[in-house]
Amino acid sequence: MSWIKELDKDQDTLLKKIYEDVENRTGKQTSNVLKVHSLKPQILKAHMSLYETLMFEKSQLSRTQREMIGVVVSSTNQCPYCVSHHEEALYHVSDNQDLMKLIAKDYRLASLDDKDLMICKYSEKLTKTPYKMYEDDVQKLRRLGFNDEAILDINQIVSYFNYVNRVVHGLGVVLE
């Protein structure tokens, strides 16, 4: 739950449809980070559309790389809610529990290849010091073989997780 009022799914027809779609797709109860949007189902719908596009649509980035970004950003922001959810997802897509734990603790300890290490460095820098981003940060990704679409995906996933971390922290969303 959270620090603000949340509607029960039966109080709004759009909200009920969204929750049921989520629960049918995942086989799990709707997570608290989604429930916190219940007062504004249209925002929830937009939030979910952005998440699904960033995390599941065709990309040069693997699902493991995308979840890795989520864990790095959430860990950098000290957001245990999002670390927990995306650490689990990272394990699910990578089937590597050691990787999951090391990325959550400190990605520098994870023996990542050059591409994944640079994704993590970019993610951490954009999260901690967005005002210190320069063209060279993009060029480093490009030199490792990422095309501009992949670089946009990296940037958008980092930005998305920073947004969600702030929703969680700012509204007191607690882990299920």
Foldseek 3Di string as FASTA:
>chain_A
DWQDDFDDCVVDVLSVVVQVVVCVVPVDGDWLLLRVCRVPSVVSVVLVVLVCCLQPNDDPDDNLLLLLLLLLLCLLVVQVQSLVVSLVVNCVRVVDNLCSVCSNVPNVPNPDPPLSVLLSVLLNCCNPPVVPDDVVSVVSNVVVPHDPRNVVSSVSSSVSSSVSSCSCVVTVRDGD
